[in-house]
Protein backbone atom coordinates (compact mmCIF):
# COMPACT_ATOMS: atom_id res chain seq x y z
CA MET A 1 25.80 -11.59 4.94
CA ARG A 2 23.05 -10.83 7.44
CA PHE A 3 19.44 -10.85 6.28
CA ILE A 4 16.42 -9.38 8.04
CA GLY A 5 12.85 -10.09 6.99
CA LEU A 6 10.31 -7.29 7.33
CA ILE A 7 6.61 -8.01 6.86
CA PRO A 8 4.47 -4.93 6.17
CA ALA A 9 0.97 -5.52 7.54
CA ARG A 10 -1.93 -3.04 7.41
CA TYR A 11 -5.30 -3.56 9.06
CA GLY A 12 -7.14 -1.41 6.55
CA SER A 13 -7.93 -3.13 3.24
CA SER A 14 -10.79 -2.21 0.93
CA ARG A 15 -11.35 -5.82 -0.13
CA PHE A 16 -10.55 -7.57 3.16
CA PRO A 17 -10.28 -5.39 6.29
CA GLY A 18 -8.24 -6.98 9.05
CA LYS A 19 -6.86 -9.79 6.87
CA PRO A 20 -3.49 -10.07 8.72
CA LEU A 21 -5.50 -11.24 11.74
CA ALA A 22 -7.85 -13.54 9.82
CA LEU A 23 -7.46 -17.11 11.00
CA LEU A 24 -5.95 -19.68 8.68
CA GLY A 25 -5.74 -23.16 10.13
CA GLY A 26 -6.25 -21.67 13.59
CA LYS A 27 -3.44 -19.10 13.30
CA PRO A 28 -3.54 -15.46 12.13
CA VAL A 29 -2.37 -15.09 8.53
CA VAL A 30 0.47 -12.79 9.63
CA GLN A 31 1.71 -15.46 12.06
CA ARG A 32 1.99 -18.00 9.25
CA VAL A 33 3.99 -15.51 7.17
CA TYR A 34 6.24 -14.79 10.15
CA GLU A 35 6.87 -18.46 10.88
CA GLN A 36 7.77 -19.23 7.27
CA ALA A 37 10.20 -16.29 7.08
CA SER A 38 11.81 -17.24 10.39
CA LYS A 39 12.87 -20.61 8.97
CA VAL A 40 15.36 -18.93 6.62
CA LEU A 41 16.22 -15.38 7.70
CA ASP A 42 18.48 -14.19 10.53
CA ASP A 43 15.77 -12.02 12.08
CA VAL A 44 12.13 -11.15 11.30
CA TYR A 45 9.82 -8.28 12.27
CA VAL A 46 6.27 -7.32 11.35
CA ALA A 47 5.97 -3.63 10.41
CA THR A 48 2.45 -2.39 11.10
CA ASP A 49 0.44 0.78 11.60
CA ASP A 50 -2.19 -0.93 13.76
CA GLN A 51 -1.99 -1.69 17.48
CA ARG A 52 -4.16 -4.80 17.10
CA ILE A 53 -1.69 -6.38 14.70
CA TYR A 54 1.24 -5.35 16.88
CA GLU A 55 -0.31 -6.99 19.93
CA ALA A 56 -1.20 -10.15 18.01
CA VAL A 57 2.40 -10.56 16.83
CA VAL A 58 3.81 -10.05 20.31
CA SER A 59 1.25 -12.52 21.73
CA PHE A 60 2.51 -15.37 19.51
CA GLY A 61 6.12 -14.56 20.42
CA GLY A 62 7.02 -12.58 17.33
CA LYS A 63 8.72 -9.20 16.94
CA ALA A 64 6.86 -6.15 15.67
CA VAL A 65 7.47 -2.46 15.16
CA MET A 66 4.92 0.34 14.83
CA THR A 67 5.08 2.58 11.75
CA SER A 68 3.28 5.60 10.38
CA THR A 69 -0.23 5.37 8.94
CA ALA A 70 0.76 7.73 6.12
CA HIS A 71 2.89 5.39 3.99
CA LYS A 72 1.79 4.91 0.39
CA SER A 73 3.71 1.67 -0.15
CA GLY A 74 5.02 -1.32 1.75
CA THR A 75 8.55 -0.30 0.74
CA ASP A 76 8.22 3.00 2.57
CA ARG A 77 6.85 1.18 5.62
CA ILE A 78 9.78 -1.24 5.83
CA GLU A 79 12.31 1.57 5.43
CA GLU A 80 10.84 3.31 8.47
CA ALA A 81 10.76 -0.01 10.34
CA TYR A 82 14.39 -0.75 9.48
CA GLN A 83 15.52 2.65 10.72
CA THR A 84 13.50 2.18 13.93
CA ILE A 85 14.99 -1.27 14.59
CA ASN A 86 18.41 0.35 14.16
CA GLN A 87 20.48 -2.81 13.81
CA PRO A 88 23.00 -3.51 11.02
CA PHE A 89 21.88 -5.92 8.30
CA ASP A 90 23.27 -6.28 4.80
CA VAL A 91 19.97 -7.11 3.10
CA ILE A 92 16.33 -6.41 3.93
CA VAL A 93 13.78 -8.91 2.61
CA ASN A 94 10.26 -7.54 2.08
CA ILE A 95 7.73 -10.35 2.56
CA GLN A 96 4.09 -9.54 1.85
CA GLY A 97 1.87 -9.92 4.90
CA ASP A 98 -0.77 -11.76 2.88
CA GLU A 99 1.54 -14.56 1.65
CA PRO A 100 1.21 -17.27 4.32
CA PHE A 101 2.73 -19.93 2.07
CA VAL A 102 5.92 -18.11 1.13
CA SER A 103 8.34 -21.00 0.82
CA GLN A 104 11.80 -21.63 2.20
CA SER A 105 13.04 -22.21 -1.35
CA GLN A 106 11.74 -18.82 -2.50
CA LEU A 107 13.40 -17.03 0.40
CA THR A 108 16.66 -18.92 -0.15
CA THR A 109 16.62 -18.07 -3.87
CA ILE A 110 16.12 -14.35 -3.27
CA CYS A 111 18.94 -14.31 -0.70
CA GLN A 112 21.29 -16.12 -3.08
CA ALA A 113 20.80 -13.33 -5.63
CA PHE A 114 23.10 -11.18 -3.49
CA GLU A 115 26.02 -13.49 -4.10
CA ASP A 116 26.32 -11.38 -7.27
CA ASP A 117 27.98 -8.11 -6.26
CA ASP A 118 26.03 -6.26 -8.98
CA THR A 119 22.70 -7.08 -7.35
CA GLN A 120 21.19 -4.04 -5.66
CA ILE A 121 17.59 -5.29 -5.50
CA ALA A 122 16.26 -8.82 -5.98
CA THR A 123 12.87 -10.29 -6.78
CA LEU A 124 11.44 -13.54 -8.16
CA GLY A 125 9.86 -14.81 -11.36
CA ILE A 126 8.03 -18.01 -12.28
CA SER A 127 7.15 -19.39 -15.70
CA PHE A 128 3.58 -18.87 -16.86
CA LYS A 129 1.66 -22.08 -17.48
CA ASP A 130 -1.02 -20.85 -19.90
CA MET A 131 -1.77 -17.89 -22.16
CA ALA A 132 -4.86 -16.85 -20.22
CA SER A 133 -2.58 -16.07 -17.27
CA VAL A 134 -0.10 -14.23 -19.52
CA GLU A 135 -2.94 -12.05 -20.80
CA ASN A 136 -4.06 -11.11 -17.26
CA PRO A 137 -2.97 -7.49 -16.56
CA ASN A 138 -3.00 -8.25 -12.83
CA SER A 139 -0.07 -10.64 -13.38
CA PRO A 140 2.94 -8.47 -14.28
CA LYS A 141 5.42 -9.89 -16.76
CA ILE A 142 9.22 -9.64 -16.57
CA VAL A 143 11.81 -9.58 -19.35
CA ILE A 144 15.35 -10.33 -18.18
CA ASP A 145 18.82 -10.04 -19.70
CA ASN A 146 21.38 -12.82 -20.11
CA GLN A 147 22.71 -12.26 -16.58
CA GLY A 148 19.27 -12.54 -14.99
CA PHE A 149 18.69 -8.83 -14.39
CA ALA A 150 15.33 -7.25 -15.14
CA LEU A 151 15.04 -5.26 -18.35
CA TYR A 152 11.39 -4.34 -17.82
CA PHE A 153 8.20 -5.19 -15.95
CA SER A 154 4.80 -4.72 -17.56
CA ARG A 155 1.12 -5.48 -17.19
CA SER A 156 1.06 -5.87 -20.97
CA ILE A 157 2.26 -9.02 -22.69
CA ILE A 158 6.01 -8.70 -23.23
CA PRO A 159 7.67 -9.59 -25.46
CA PHE A 160 5.43 -9.60 -28.53
CA VAL A 161 5.94 -12.76 -30.58
CA ARG A 162 5.78 -11.64 -34.18
CA GLY A 163 4.32 -13.83 -36.92
CA ILE A 164 2.86 -16.43 -34.55
CA GLU A 165 -0.74 -16.88 -33.38
CA SER A 166 -0.99 -15.73 -29.75
CA SER A 167 -2.39 -19.11 -28.71
CA GLU A 168 1.02 -20.59 -29.58
CA TRP A 169 3.25 -17.95 -28.00
CA LEU A 170 4.16 -20.06 -24.94
CA GLN A 171 5.70 -22.61 -27.27
CA HIS A 172 8.08 -19.96 -28.62
CA TYR A 173 9.04 -17.88 -25.55
CA PRO A 174 9.24 -18.61 -21.79
CA PHE A 175 7.01 -15.82 -20.47
CA LEU A 176 7.92 -14.96 -16.89
CA LYS A 177 5.45 -13.95 -14.18
CA HIS A 178 6.57 -11.58 -11.45
CA ILE A 179 6.33 -12.83 -7.86
CA GLY A 180 6.09 -9.87 -5.49
CA LEU A 181 8.85 -10.80 -3.07
CA TYR A 182 11.64 -8.20 -2.84
CA ALA A 183 15.00 -7.81 -1.16
CA TYR A 184 17.30 -4.78 -1.05
CA ARG A 185 20.78 -3.96 0.11
CA SER A 186 20.25 -1.74 3.14
CA ASN A 187 21.78 1.39 1.60
CA VAL A 188 19.74 0.89 -1.58
CA LEU A 189 16.47 0.70 0.36
CA THR A 190 17.20 4.11 1.85
CA GLU A 191 17.99 5.53 -1.58
CA ILE A 192 14.95 4.20 -3.45
CA THR A 193 12.44 5.34 -0.84
CA ALA A 194 13.71 8.90 -1.36
CA LEU A 195 12.99 8.79 -5.10
CA PRO A 196 9.91 10.53 -6.54
CA GLN A 197 7.43 8.49 -8.55
CA SER A 198 8.64 7.93 -12.10
CA SER A 199 6.67 8.29 -15.32
CA LEU A 200 6.77 4.55 -16.05
CA GLU A 201 5.67 3.70 -12.52
CA LYS A 202 2.69 6.02 -12.84
CA VAL A 203 1.42 4.62 -16.13
CA GLU A 204 1.92 0.92 -15.28
CA SER A 205 1.22 1.27 -11.53
CA LEU A 206 4.30 -0.86 -10.78
CA GLU A 207 6.64 0.52 -8.12
CA GLN A 208 9.64 -1.48 -9.35
CA LEU A 209 9.68 0.58 -12.56
CA ARG A 210 10.73 3.60 -10.47
CA TRP A 211 13.87 1.73 -9.51
CA LEU A 212 14.62 0.51 -13.02
CA GLN A 213 14.03 3.95 -14.50
CA ASN A 214 16.55 5.37 -12.04
CA GLY A 215 19.21 2.85 -13.06
CA TYR A 216 19.07 0.30 -10.23
CA HIS A 217 19.95 -3.33 -10.99
CA ILE A 218 17.19 -5.81 -10.11
CA LYS A 219 18.25 -9.46 -10.10
CA VAL A 220 15.44 -11.91 -10.86
CA GLY A 221 15.67 -15.29 -9.17
CA ILE A 222 13.67 -18.10 -10.74
CA THR A 223 11.28 -20.06 -8.56
CA HIS A 224 9.21 -23.11 -9.43
CA THR A 225 6.94 -22.71 -6.41
CA GLU A 226 3.56 -21.01 -6.82
CA THR A 227 1.96 -19.63 -3.67
CA ILE A 228 -1.50 -18.36 -2.78
CA GLY A 229 -1.83 -14.72 -1.77
CA ILE A 230 -4.85 -13.58 0.20
CA ASP A 231 -6.66 -10.49 -1.09
CA THR A 232 -10.29 -11.42 -0.36
CA PRO A 233 -12.32 -13.65 1.99
CA GLU A 234 -12.72 -16.02 -0.96
CA ASP A 235 -8.94 -16.31 -1.19
CA LEU A 236 -8.87 -17.26 2.48
CA GLU A 237 -11.24 -20.14 1.78
CA LYS A 238 -8.96 -21.36 -1.01
CA ALA A 239 -5.99 -21.04 1.32
CA GLU A 240 -7.73 -23.21 3.93
CA THR A 241 -8.17 -25.94 1.34
CA PHE A 242 -4.56 -25.59 0.19
CA LEU A 243 -3.33 -25.78 3.79
CA LYS A 244 -5.26 -28.99 4.46
CA THR A 245 -4.50 -30.79 1.20
CA ARG A 246 -1.21 -29.63 -0.29
CA PHE A 247 0.90 -27.46 1.99
CA ARG A 248 3.84 -28.96 3.85
CA GLU A 249 5.36 -26.75 6.53
């Protein structure tokens, strides 16, 4: 199978404008994402709506493609990018442009999910380490079936552990945190970007619920690697510390 990595990268961000070009260890954040993805995938492109990002990618020797400024989601952006690139790949991997520490093991795990012919979409989950994190609505939870396919994603705590104090729930059920790395069979990506928003997606504000609600099979690979995403300038400072003390390229 042939895998292409597409990295959606916008300049505009309410909490951190221009973050793809922010320097991390002397390199733009988007360059670090690109270099990590290139270690595993057959080909990699940055999909952007901003000329500054496009030029930065080309300047470090990467590949980039310009996309519309009107997209409402990264998924829509990578679909346009894939059609523009116009080369045949079996699977498109969507790597967030603010994840400079995406690991080779994570990318390998998500690619291996497609060894199962029933996998149409793949994503990752990691075990929660404490109940405070489980209770955080900004950390979506996943419930999976016995074959590793997603049953549901929620910002609420799922499942509910009946008859047990919530402080002890982690001792009774392996709550799973969603890691926002996605991959899609190429024909499926085209199909899901044509779908209207679903009722579950609207109430939870989770795009993957649109796909589940329309009957698509989402395989959940398990990772044991936690990464640091960059949403704010404060996150960038934490990432600098992580890069210097813990990260091994």
